[in-house]
All heavy atoms as atom14 arrays in JSON, in Angstrom:
{
  "sequence": "YADSVKGRFTISRDNAENTVYLQMSSLKPEDTAVYYCYTLSNRSYWG",
  "atom14_mask": [
    [1, 1, 1, 1, 1, 1, 1, 1, 1, 1, 1, 1, 0, 0],
    [1, 1, 1, 1, 1, 0, 0, 0, 0, 0, 0, 0, 0, 0],
    [1, 1, 1, 1, 1, 1, 1, 1, 0, 0, 0, 0, 0, 0],
    [1, 1, 1, 1, 1, 1, 0, 0, 0, 0, 0, 0, 0, 0],
    [1, 1, 1, 1, 1, 1, 1, 0, 0, 0, 0, 0, 0, 0],
    [1, 1, 1, 1, 1, 1, 1, 1, 1, 0, 0, 0, 0, 0],
    [1, 1, 1, 1, 0, 0, 0, 0, 0, 0, 0, 0, 0, 0],
    [1, 1, 1, 1, 1, 1, 1, 1, 1, 1, 1, 0, 0, 0],
    [1, 1, 1, 1, 1, 1, 1, 1, 1, 1, 1, 0, 0, 0],
    [1, 1, 1, 1, 1, 1, 1, 0, 0, 0, 0, 0, 0, 0],
    [1, 1, 1, 1, 1, 1, 1, 1, 0, 0, 0, 0, 0, 0],
    [1, 1, 1, 1, 1, 1, 0, 0, 0, 0, 0, 0, 0, 0],
    [1, 1, 1, 1, 1, 1, 1, 1, 1, 1, 1, 0, 0, 0],
    [1, 1, 1, 1, 1, 1, 1, 1, 0, 0, 0, 0, 0, 0],
    [1, 1, 1, 1, 1, 1, 1, 1, 0, 0, 0, 0, 0, 0],
    [1, 1, 1, 1, 1, 0, 0, 0, 0, 0, 0, 0, 0, 0],
    [1, 1, 1, 1, 1, 1, 1, 1, 1, 0, 0, 0, 0, 0],
    [1, 1, 1, 1, 1, 1, 1, 1, 0, 0, 0, 0, 0, 0],
    [1, 1, 1, 1, 1, 1, 1, 0, 0, 0, 0, 0, 0, 0],
    [1, 1, 1, 1, 1, 1, 1, 0, 0, 0, 0, 0, 0, 0],
    [1, 1, 1, 1, 1, 1, 1, 1, 1, 1, 1, 1, 0, 0],
    [1, 1, 1, 1, 1, 1, 1, 1, 0, 0, 0, 0, 0, 0],
    [1, 1, 1, 1, 1, 1, 1, 1, 1, 0, 0, 0, 0, 0],
    [1, 1, 1, 1, 1, 1, 1, 1, 0, 0, 0, 0, 0, 0],
    [1, 1, 1, 1, 1, 1, 0, 0, 0, 0, 0, 0, 0, 0],
    [1, 1, 1, 1, 1, 1, 0, 0, 0, 0, 0, 0, 0, 0],
    [1, 1, 1, 1, 1, 1, 1, 1, 0, 0, 0, 0, 0, 0],
    [1, 1, 1, 1, 1, 1, 1, 1, 1, 0, 0, 0, 0, 0],
    [1, 1, 1, 1, 1, 1, 1, 0, 0, 0, 0, 0, 0, 0],
    [1, 1, 1, 1, 1, 1, 1, 1, 1, 0, 0, 0, 0, 0],
    [1, 1, 1, 1, 1, 1, 1, 1, 0, 0, 0, 0, 0, 0],
    [1, 1, 1, 1, 1, 1, 1, 0, 0, 0, 0, 0, 0, 0],
    [1, 1, 1, 1, 1, 0, 0, 0, 0, 0, 0, 0, 0, 0],
    [1, 1, 1, 1, 1, 1, 1, 0, 0, 0, 0, 0, 0, 0],
    [1, 1, 1, 1, 1, 1, 1, 1, 1, 1, 1, 1, 0, 0],
    [1, 1, 1, 1, 1, 1, 1, 1, 1, 1, 1, 1, 0, 0],
    [1, 1, 1, 1, 1, 1, 0, 0, 0, 0, 0, 0, 0, 0],
    [1, 1, 1, 1, 1, 1, 1, 1, 1, 1, 1, 1, 0, 0],
    [1, 1, 1, 1, 1, 1, 1, 0, 0, 0, 0, 0, 0, 0],
    [1, 1, 1, 1, 1, 1, 1, 1, 0, 0, 0, 0, 0, 0],
    [1, 1, 1, 1, 1, 1, 0, 0, 0, 0, 0, 0, 0, 0],
    [1, 1, 1, 1, 1, 1, 1, 1, 0, 0, 0, 0, 0, 0],
    [1, 1, 1, 1, 1, 1, 1, 1, 1, 1, 1, 0, 0, 0],
    [1, 1, 1, 1, 1, 1, 0, 0, 0, 0, 0, 0, 0, 0],
    [1, 1, 1, 1, 1, 1, 1, 1, 1, 1, 1, 1, 0, 0],
    [1, 1, 1, 1, 1, 1, 1, 1, 1, 1, 1, 1, 1, 1],
    [1, 1, 1, 1, 0, 0, 0, 0, 0, 0, 0, 0, 0, 0]
  ],
  "atom14_positions": [
    [[-6.78, -128.92, -93.1], [-6.53, -128.0, -92.03], [-5.12, -128.09, -91.54], [-4.48, -129.13, -91.53], [-7.45, -128.25, -90.81], [-8.92, -128.07, -91.06], [-9.72, -129.11, -91.51], [-9.48, -126.81, -90.88], [-11.08, -128.92, -91.78], [-10.83, -126.6, -91.1], [-11.62, -127.69, -91.54], [-12.95, -127.47, -91.77], [0.0, 0.0, 0.0], [0.0, 0.0, 0.0]],
    [[-4.61, -126.95, -91.07], [-3.32, -126.95, -90.35], [-3.51, -127.71, -89.04], [-4.58, -127.63, -88.41], [-2.87, -125.53, -90.07], [0.0, 0.0, 0.0], [0.0, 0.0, 0.0], [0.0, 0.0, 0.0], [0.0, 0.0, 0.0], [0.0, 0.0, 0.0], [0.0, 0.0, 0.0], [0.0, 0.0, 0.0], [0.0, 0.0, 0.0], [0.0, 0.0, 0.0]],
    [[-2.5, -128.45, -88.64], [-2.61, -129.21, -87.4], [-2.98, -128.35, -86.22], [-3.74, -128.73, -85.3], [-1.31, -129.92, -87.13], [-1.04, -131.07, -88.05], [-1.99, -131.53, -88.71], [0.12, -131.49, -88.16], [0.0, 0.0, 0.0], [0.0, 0.0, 0.0], [0.0, 0.0, 0.0], [0.0, 0.0, 0.0], [0.0, 0.0, 0.0], [0.0, 0.0, 0.0]],
    [[-2.53, -127.11, -86.23], [-2.74, -126.22, -85.07], [-4.21, -125.78, -84.92], [-4.57, -125.29, -83.86], [-1.85, -125.01, -85.19], [-2.14, -124.28, -86.41], [0.0, 0.0, 0.0], [0.0, 0.0, 0.0], [0.0, 0.0, 0.0], [0.0, 0.0, 0.0], [0.0, 0.0, 0.0], [0.0, 0.0, 0.0], [0.0, 0.0, 0.0], [0.0, 0.0, 0.0]],
    [[-5.03, -125.96, -85.93], [-6.39, -125.51, -85.84], [-7.43, -126.65, -85.98], [-8.61, -126.4, -85.87], [-6.73, -124.43, -86.93], [-5.71, -123.3, -86.86], [-6.75, -125.04, -88.3], [0.0, 0.0, 0.0], [0.0, 0.0, 0.0], [0.0, 0.0, 0.0], [0.0, 0.0, 0.0], [0.0, 0.0, 0.0], [0.0, 0.0, 0.0], [0.0, 0.0, 0.0]],
    [[-6.94, -127.83, -86.2], [-7.84, -128.99, -86.32], [-8.73, -129.14, -85.07], [-8.2, -129.05, -83.99], [-7.03, -130.27, -86.58], [-6.53, -130.41, -87.99], [-5.77, -131.73, -88.19], [-5.27, -131.85, -89.57], [-4.43, -133.1, -89.77], [0.0, 0.0, 0.0], [0.0, 0.0, 0.0], [0.0, 0.0, 0.0], [0.0, 0.0, 0.0], [0.0, 0.0, 0.0]],
    [[-9.99, -129.31, -85.33], [-10.91, -129.51, -84.21], [-11.45, -128.18, -83.64], [-12.38, -128.2, -82.83], [0.0, 0.0, 0.0], [0.0, 0.0, 0.0], [0.0, 0.0, 0.0], [0.0, 0.0, 0.0], [0.0, 0.0, 0.0], [0.0, 0.0, 0.0], [0.0, 0.0, 0.0], [0.0, 0.0, 0.0], [0.0, 0.0, 0.0], [0.0, 0.0, 0.0]],
    [[-10.84, -127.06, -84.04], [-11.3, -125.8, -83.56], [-11.89, -124.89, -84.67], [-12.77, -124.09, -84.43], [-10.11, -125.04, -82.93], [-9.5, -125.76, -81.7], [-8.47, -124.92, -81.01], [-7.33, -124.53, -81.82], [-7.02, -123.28, -82.11], [-7.69, -122.29, -81.62], [-5.93, -123.02, -82.87], [0.0, 0.0, 0.0], [0.0, 0.0, 0.0], [0.0, 0.0, 0.0]],
    [[-11.33, -125.0, -85.88], [-11.77, -124.19, -87.0], [-12.49, -125.07, -88.0], [-12.19, -126.26, -88.18], [-10.56, -123.58, -87.71], [-9.84, -122.5, -86.92], [-10.09, -122.28, -85.6], [-8.89, -121.71, -87.57], [-9.4, -121.3, -84.9], [-8.23, -120.72, -86.91], [-8.43, -120.54, -85.52], [0.0, 0.0, 0.0], [0.0, 0.0, 0.0], [0.0, 0.0, 0.0]],
    [[-13.46, -124.44, -88.67], [-14.25, -125.14, -89.73], [-14.34, -124.25, -90.92], [-14.78, -123.1, -90.84], [-15.64, -125.47, -89.26], [-15.56, -126.32, -88.09], [-16.4, -126.26, -90.34], [0.0, 0.0, 0.0], [0.0, 0.0, 0.0], [0.0, 0.0, 0.0], [0.0, 0.0, 0.0], [0.0, 0.0, 0.0], [0.0, 0.0, 0.0], [0.0, 0.0, 0.0]],
    [[-13.93, -124.77, -92.07], [-14.03, -124.05, -93.34], [-15.19, -124.6, -94.12], [-15.45, -125.79, -94.13], [-12.7, -124.12, -94.16], [-12.77, -123.15, -95.35], [-12.39, -125.55, -94.63], [-11.41, -122.98, -96.06], [0.0, 0.0, 0.0], [0.0, 0.0, 0.0], [0.0, 0.0, 0.0], [0.0, 0.0, 0.0], [0.0, 0.0, 0.0], [0.0, 0.0, 0.0]],
    [[-15.9, -123.74, -94.8], [-16.99, -124.13, -95.66], [-17.11, -123.13, -96.8], [-16.49, -122.06, -96.77], [-18.31, -124.17, -94.85], [-18.66, -122.91, -94.32], [0.0, 0.0, 0.0], [0.0, 0.0, 0.0], [0.0, 0.0, 0.0], [0.0, 0.0, 0.0], [0.0, 0.0, 0.0], [0.0, 0.0, 0.0], [0.0, 0.0, 0.0], [0.0, 0.0, 0.0]],
    [[-17.88, -123.55, -97.78], [-18.02, -122.65, -98.99], [-19.4, -122.73, -99.55], [-20.08, -123.78, -99.46], [-16.96, -122.96, -100.05], [-17.05, -124.3, -100.65], [-15.86, -124.55, -101.55], [-16.01, -123.91, -102.85], [-15.09, -123.98, -103.83], [-13.97, -124.62, -103.62], [-15.26, -123.38, -104.95], [0.0, 0.0, 0.0], [0.0, 0.0, 0.0], [0.0, 0.0, 0.0]],
    [[-19.8, -121.67, -100.19], [-21.05, -121.63, -100.92], [-20.68, -121.4, -102.39], [-20.31, -120.32, -102.81], [-21.93, -120.45, -100.4], [-23.26, -120.38, -101.09], [-23.4, -120.83, -102.25], [-24.22, -119.86, -100.51], [0.0, 0.0, 0.0], [0.0, 0.0, 0.0], [0.0, 0.0, 0.0], [0.0, 0.0, 0.0], [0.0, 0.0, 0.0], [0.0, 0.0, 0.0]],
    [[-20.73, -122.48, -103.18], [-20.33, -122.39, -104.57], [-21.15, -121.47, -105.36], [-20.68, -120.78, -106.29], [-20.3, -123.78, -105.19], [-19.22, -124.69, -104.61], [-18.15, -124.21, -104.22], [-19.47, -125.97, -104.59], [0.0, 0.0, 0.0], [0.0, 0.0, 0.0], [0.0, 0.0, 0.0], [0.0, 0.0, 0.0], [0.0, 0.0, 0.0], [0.0, 0.0, 0.0]],
    [[-22.42, -121.39, -105.04], [-23.35, -120.53, -105.83], [-23.01, -119.07, -105.62], [-23.2, -118.24, -106.54], [-24.83, -120.82, -105.46], [0.0, 0.0, 0.0], [0.0, 0.0, 0.0], [0.0, 0.0, 0.0], [0.0, 0.0, 0.0], [0.0, 0.0, 0.0], [0.0, 0.0, 0.0], [0.0, 0.0, 0.0], [0.0, 0.0, 0.0], [0.0, 0.0, 0.0]],
    [[-22.52, -118.77, -104.44], [-22.2, -117.36, -104.07], [-20.7, -117.07, -104.17], [-20.29, -115.94, -103.82], [-22.74, -117.05, -102.68], [-24.23, -117.1, -102.55], [-24.93, -116.07, -103.4], [-24.36, -114.94, -103.57], [-26.04, -116.31, -103.85], [0.0, 0.0, 0.0], [0.0, 0.0, 0.0], [0.0, 0.0, 0.0], [0.0, 0.0, 0.0], [0.0, 0.0, 0.0]],
    [[-19.89, -118.05, -104.51], [-18.42, -117.92, -104.58], [-17.91, -117.34, -103.25], [-17.13, -116.36, -103.27], [-18.01, -116.99, -105.74], [-18.21, -117.64, -107.12], [-18.17, -118.91, -107.21], [-18.41, -116.88, -108.11], [0.0, 0.0, 0.0], [0.0, 0.0, 0.0], [0.0, 0.0, 0.0], [0.0, 0.0, 0.0], [0.0, 0.0, 0.0], [0.0, 0.0, 0.0]],
    [[-18.39, -117.92, -102.21], [-18.05, -117.4, -100.86], [-17.48, -118.51, -100.02], [-17.96, -119.68, -100.05], [-19.3, -116.81, -100.15], [-19.79, -115.77, -100.97], [-18.96, -116.29, -98.81], [0.0, 0.0, 0.0], [0.0, 0.0, 0.0], [0.0, 0.0, 0.0], [0.0, 0.0, 0.0], [0.0, 0.0, 0.0], [0.0, 0.0, 0.0], [0.0, 0.0, 0.0]],
    [[-16.44, -118.18, -99.27], [-15.83, -119.14, -98.34], [-15.94, -118.53, -96.94], [-15.84, -117.33, -96.72], [-14.36, -119.43, -98.71], [-13.52, -118.17, -98.63], [-13.8, -120.56, -97.81], [0.0, 0.0, 0.0], [0.0, 0.0, 0.0], [0.0, 0.0, 0.0], [0.0, 0.0, 0.0], [0.0, 0.0, 0.0], [0.0, 0.0, 0.0], [0.0, 0.0, 0.0]],
    [[-16.17, -119.46, -95.96], [-16.3, -119.07, -94.58], [-15.27, -119.78, -93.73], [-14.81, -120.88, -94.05], [-17.72, -119.45, -94.08], [-18.84, -118.91, -94.93], [-19.39, -119.67, -95.93], [-19.33, -117.64, -94.67], [-20.43, -119.17, -96.7], [-20.38, -117.11, -95.44], [-20.92, -117.9, -96.43], [-21.93, -117.38, -97.19], [0.0, 0.0, 0.0], [0.0, 0.0, 0.0]],
    [[-14.94, -119.14, -92.58], [-14.08, -119.77, -91.62], [-14.68, -119.53, -90.24], [-14.75, -118.37, -89.77], [-12.64, -119.26, -91.64], [-11.67, -119.95, -90.74], [-11.42, -121.4, -91.24], [-10.34, -119.2, -90.69], [0.0, 0.0, 0.0], [0.0, 0.0, 0.0], [0.0, 0.0, 0.0], [0.0, 0.0, 0.0], [0.0, 0.0, 0.0], [0.0, 0.0, 0.0]],
    [[-15.11, -120.57, -89.62], [-15.69, -120.51, -88.27], [-14.58, -120.93, -87.31], [-14.03, -122.02, -87.4], [-16.89, -121.46, -88.11], [-17.49, -121.47, -86.71], [-18.04, -120.15, -86.29], [-18.72, -119.46, -87.02], [-17.77, -119.76, -85.02], [0.0, 0.0, 0.0], [0.0, 0.0, 0.0], [0.0, 0.0, 0.0], [0.0, 0.0, 0.0], [0.0, 0.0, 0.0]],
    [[-14.24, -120.0, -86.41], [-13.13, -120.22, -85.47], [-13.66, -120.26, -84.03], [-14.37, -119.33, -83.62], [-12.09, -119.1, -85.61], [-11.55, -118.95, -87.02], [-10.33, -117.61, -87.17], [-11.39, -116.17, -86.93], [0.0, 0.0, 0.0], [0.0, 0.0, 0.0], [0.0, 0.0, 0.0], [0.0, 0.0, 0.0], [0.0, 0.0, 0.0], [0.0, 0.0, 0.0]],
    [[-13.36, -121.28, -83.35], [-13.77, -121.39, -81.97], [-12.57, -121.81, -81.09], [-11.51, -122.18, -81.6], [-14.9, -122.41, -81.81], [-14.47, -123.7, -82.27], [0.0, 0.0, 0.0], [0.0, 0.0, 0.0], [0.0, 0.0, 0.0], [0.0, 0.0, 0.0], [0.0, 0.0, 0.0], [0.0, 0.0, 0.0], [0.0, 0.0, 0.0], [0.0, 0.0, 0.0]],
    [[-12.77, -121.74, -79.81], [-11.7, -122.04, -78.82], [-10.44, -121.31, -79.2], [-9.34, -121.87, -79.23], [-11.46, -123.53, -78.76], [-12.63, -124.24, -78.35], [0.0, 0.0, 0.0], [0.0, 0.0, 0.0], [0.0, 0.0, 0.0], [0.0, 0.0, 0.0], [0.0, 0.0, 0.0], [0.0, 0.0, 0.0], [0.0, 0.0, 0.0], [0.0, 0.0, 0.0]],
    [[-10.58, -120.07, -79.5], [-9.43, -119.27, -80.01], [-8.36, -119.11, -78.93], [-8.66, -119.0, -77.76], [-9.92, -117.92, -80.5], [-10.56, -117.93, -81.87], [-11.42, -116.75, -82.1], [-9.53, -118.1, -82.97], [0.0, 0.0, 0.0], [0.0, 0.0, 0.0], [0.0, 0.0, 0.0], [0.0, 0.0, 0.0], [0.0, 0.0, 0.0], [0.0, 0.0, 0.0]],
    [[-7.12, -119.08, -79.38], [-5.97, -118.95, -78.53], [-5.16, -117.7, -78.91], [-5.25, -117.25, -80.07], [-5.04, -120.18, -78.69], [-5.74, -121.49, -78.46], [-4.79, -122.63, -78.75], [-5.48, -123.99, -78.55], [-4.57, -125.13, -78.84], [0.0, 0.0, 0.0], [0.0, 0.0, 0.0], [0.0, 0.0, 0.0], [0.0, 0.0, 0.0], [0.0, 0.0, 0.0]],
    [[-4.43, -117.16, -77.98], [-3.61, -115.98, -78.34], [-2.69, -116.23, -79.57], [-2.45, -115.28, -80.35], [-2.77, -115.73, -77.06], [-3.66, -116.22, -75.99], [-4.35, -117.44, -76.55], [0.0, 0.0, 0.0], [0.0, 0.0, 0.0], [0.0, 0.0, 0.0], [0.0, 0.0, 0.0], [0.0, 0.0, 0.0], [0.0, 0.0, 0.0], [0.0, 0.0, 0.0]],
    [[-2.22, -117.44, -79.72], [-1.34, -117.75, -80.85], [-2.1, -117.75, -82.2], [-1.48, -117.89, -83.27], [-0.6, -119.08, -80.67], [-1.49, -120.25, -80.28], [-1.52, -120.47, -78.76], [-1.64, -119.46, -78.02], [-1.47, -121.62, -78.35], [0.0, 0.0, 0.0], [0.0, 0.0, 0.0], [0.0, 0.0, 0.0], [0.0, 0.0, 0.0], [0.0, 0.0, 0.0]],
    [[-3.39, -117.62, -82.18], [-4.17, -117.51, -83.43], [-4.16, -116.06, -83.92], [-4.69, -115.77, -85.01], [-5.65, -117.93, -83.2], [-5.75, -119.43, -82.9], [-5.04, -120.23, -83.54], [-6.55, -119.8, -82.02], [0.0, 0.0, 0.0], [0.0, 0.0, 0.0], [0.0, 0.0, 0.0], [0.0, 0.0, 0.0], [0.0, 0.0, 0.0], [0.0, 0.0, 0.0]],
    [[-3.63, -115.15, -83.11], [-3.6, -113.75, -83.53], [-2.75, -113.58, -84.78], [-1.61, -114.06, -84.87], [-2.96, -112.89, -82.39], [-3.87, -112.93, -81.26], [-2.79, -111.46, -82.84], [0.0, 0.0, 0.0], [0.0, 0.0, 0.0], [0.0, 0.0, 0.0], [0.0, 0.0, 0.0], [0.0, 0.0, 0.0], [0.0, 0.0, 0.0], [0.0, 0.0, 0.0]],
    [[-3.33, -112.96, -85.78], [-2.7, -112.83, -87.08], [-3.59, -112.01, -88.0], [-4.76, -111.79, -87.73], [-2.38, -114.2, -87.7], [0.0, 0.0, 0.0], [0.0, 0.0, 0.0], [0.0, 0.0, 0.0], [0.0, 0.0, 0.0], [0.0, 0.0, 0.0], [0.0, 0.0, 0.0], [0.0, 0.0, 0.0], [0.0, 0.0, 0.0], [0.0, 0.0, 0.0]],
    [[-3.02, -111.68, -89.18], [-3.87, -111.18, -90.25], [-4.24, -112.37, -91.09], [-3.39, -113.16, -91.52], [-3.09, -110.14, -91.09], [-3.98, -109.72, -92.32], [-2.7, -108.95, -90.29], [0.0, 0.0, 0.0], [0.0, 0.0, 0.0], [0.0, 0.0, 0.0], [0.0, 0.0, 0.0], [0.0, 0.0, 0.0], [0.0, 0.0, 0.0], [0.0, 0.0, 0.0]],
    [[-5.52, -112.53, -91.29], [-6.06, -113.7, -92.06], [-6.38, -113.23, -93.48], [-7.1, -112.23, -93.68], [-7.31, -114.22, -91.37], [-6.98, -115.01, -90.14], [-6.47, -114.43, -88.98], [-7.14, -116.42, -90.13], [-6.14, -115.15, -87.86], [-6.85, -117.16, -89.0], [-6.31, -116.53, -87.87], [-5.99, -117.28, -86.77], [0.0, 0.0, 0.0], [0.0, 0.0, 0.0]],
    [[-5.94, -114.01, -94.43], [-6.07, -113.72, -95.85], [-6.93, -114.8, -96.53], [-6.65, -115.98, -96.38], [-4.72, -113.62, -96.56], [-3.82, -112.5, -96.08], [-2.92, -112.7, -95.04], [-3.91, -111.22, -96.64], [-2.12, -111.7, -94.59], [-3.1, -110.19, -96.19], [-2.2, -110.45, -95.19], [-1.37, -109.42, -94.77], [0.0, 0.0, 0.0], [0.0, 0.0, 0.0]],
    [[-7.85, -114.33, -97.33], [-8.65, -115.21, -98.15], [-7.85, -115.51, -99.47], [-7.17, -114.62, -99.99], [-9.96, -114.55, -98.51], [-11.0, -115.45, -99.63], [0.0, 0.0, 0.0], [0.0, 0.0, 0.0], [0.0, 0.0, 0.0], [0.0, 0.0, 0.0], [0.0, 0.0, 0.0], [0.0, 0.0, 0.0], [0.0, 0.0, 0.0], [0.0, 0.0, 0.0]],
    [[-7.95, -116.71, -99.97], [-7.26, -117.12, -101.2], [-8.26, -117.88, -102.04], [-9.01, -118.74, -101.57], [-6.09, -118.01, -100.8], [-5.49, -118.73, -101.99], [-4.5, -118.13, -102.77], [-5.85, -120.06, -102.29], [-3.89, -118.81, -103.83], [-5.3, -120.7, -103.33], [-4.33, -120.12, -104.11], [-3.73, -120.77, -105.17], [0.0, 0.0, 0.0], [0.0, 0.0, 0.0]],
    [[-8.21, -117.62, -103.36], [-9.03, -118.31, -104.3], [-8.23, -118.72, -105.52], [-7.41, -117.88, -106.02], [-10.21, -117.41, -104.75], [-11.05, -117.16, -103.61], [-11.07, -118.09, -105.82], [0.0, 0.0, 0.0], [0.0, 0.0, 0.0], [0.0, 0.0, 0.0], [0.0, 0.0, 0.0], [0.0, 0.0, 0.0], [0.0, 0.0, 0.0], [0.0, 0.0, 0.0]],
    [[-8.44, -119.9, -106.01], [-7.76, -120.38, -107.2], [-8.78, -120.74, -108.27], [-9.65, -121.59, -108.04], [-6.92, -121.62, -106.86], [-6.15, -122.23, -108.06], [-5.17, -121.28, -108.64], [-5.5, -123.54, -107.67], [0.0, 0.0, 0.0], [0.0, 0.0, 0.0], [0.0, 0.0, 0.0], [0.0, 0.0, 0.0], [0.0, 0.0, 0.0], [0.0, 0.0, 0.0]],
    [[-8.72, -120.02, -109.38], [-9.58, -120.4, -110.53], [-8.64, -120.53, -111.72], [-7.79, -121.41, -111.77], [-10.7, -119.35, -110.74], [-10.12, -118.08, -110.98], [0.0, 0.0, 0.0], [0.0, 0.0, 0.0], [0.0, 0.0, 0.0], [0.0, 0.0, 0.0], [0.0, 0.0, 0.0], [0.0, 0.0, 0.0], [0.0, 0.0, 0.0], [0.0, 0.0, 0.0]],
    [[-8.71, -119.59, -112.68], [-7.77, -119.61, -113.8], [-6.41, -119.05, -113.27], [-5.4, -119.24, -113.92], [-8.26, -118.82, -114.95], [-8.58, -117.4, -114.61], [-9.21, -117.13, -113.56], [-8.16, -116.42, -115.44], [0.0, 0.0, 0.0], [0.0, 0.0, 0.0], [0.0, 0.0, 0.0], [0.0, 0.0, 0.0], [0.0, 0.0, 0.0], [0.0, 0.0, 0.0]],
    [[-6.45, -118.33, -112.2], [-5.28, -117.83, -111.54], [-5.62, -117.68, -110.07], [-6.73, -117.92, -109.65], [-4.85, -116.48, -112.12], [-5.94, -115.44, -112.25], [-5.44, -114.03, -112.23], [-5.0, -113.64, -110.88], [-4.68, -112.41, -110.55], [-4.68, -111.46, -111.46], [-4.33, -112.12, -109.31], [0.0, 0.0, 0.0], [0.0, 0.0, 0.0], [0.0, 0.0, 0.0]],
    [[-4.62, -117.3, -109.3], [-4.85, -117.15, -107.85], [-5.2, -115.72, -107.52], [-4.72, -114.77, -108.18], [-3.64, -117.62, -107.05], [-2.52, -116.88, -107.43], [0.0, 0.0, 0.0], [0.0, 0.0, 0.0], [0.0, 0.0, 0.0], [0.0, 0.0, 0.0], [0.0, 0.0, 0.0], [0.0, 0.0, 0.0], [0.0, 0.0, 0.0], [0.0, 0.0, 0.0]],
    [[-6.03, -115.55, -106.5], [-6.39, -114.24, -106.0], [-6.25, -114.2, -104.47], [-6.5, -115.24, -103.81], [-7.83, -113.91, -106.38], [-8.14, -113.92, -107.83], [-8.58, -115.02, -108.51], [-7.96, -112.72, -108.57], [-8.86, -115.02, -109.85], [-8.26, -112.7, -109.95], [-8.67, -113.83, -110.57], [-8.92, -113.83, -111.94], [0.0, 0.0, 0.0], [0.0, 0.0, 0.0]],
    [[-5.92, -113.04, -103.96], [-5.77, -112.85, -102.52], [-6.68, -111.72, -102.04], [-6.81, -110.68, -102.76], [-4.33, -112.53, -102.14], [-3.38, -113.64, -102.31], [-2.62, -113.95, -103.42], [-3.09, -114.67, -101.33], [-1.88, -115.14, -103.16], [-2.15, -115.57, -101.92], [-3.52, -114.94, -100.03], [-1.6, -116.65, -101.23], [-2.98, -116.02, -99.36], [-2.05, -116.86, -99.96]],
    [[-7.24, -111.87, -100.82], [-7.95, -110.8, -100.23], [-6.98, -109.8, -99.6], [-5.77, -110.05, -99.55], [0.0, 0.0, 0.0], [0.0, 0.0, 0.0], [0.0, 0.0, 0.0], [0.0, 0.0, 0.0], [0.0, 0.0, 0.0], [0.0, 0.0, 0.0], [0.0, 0.0, 0.0], [0.0, 0.0, 0.0], [0.0, 0.0, 0.0], [0.0, 0.0, 0.0]]
  ]
}
């Protein structure tokens, strides 16, 4: 995790469904951004 989100955000994944989750809590105005999903297999992919 980035230091700025430790203790507030939780990442998890479901390998069977090739799905990644991000649970965000105690959100701050500085968390405002466009969030992009990233996957690395034989190459990288972006949402």
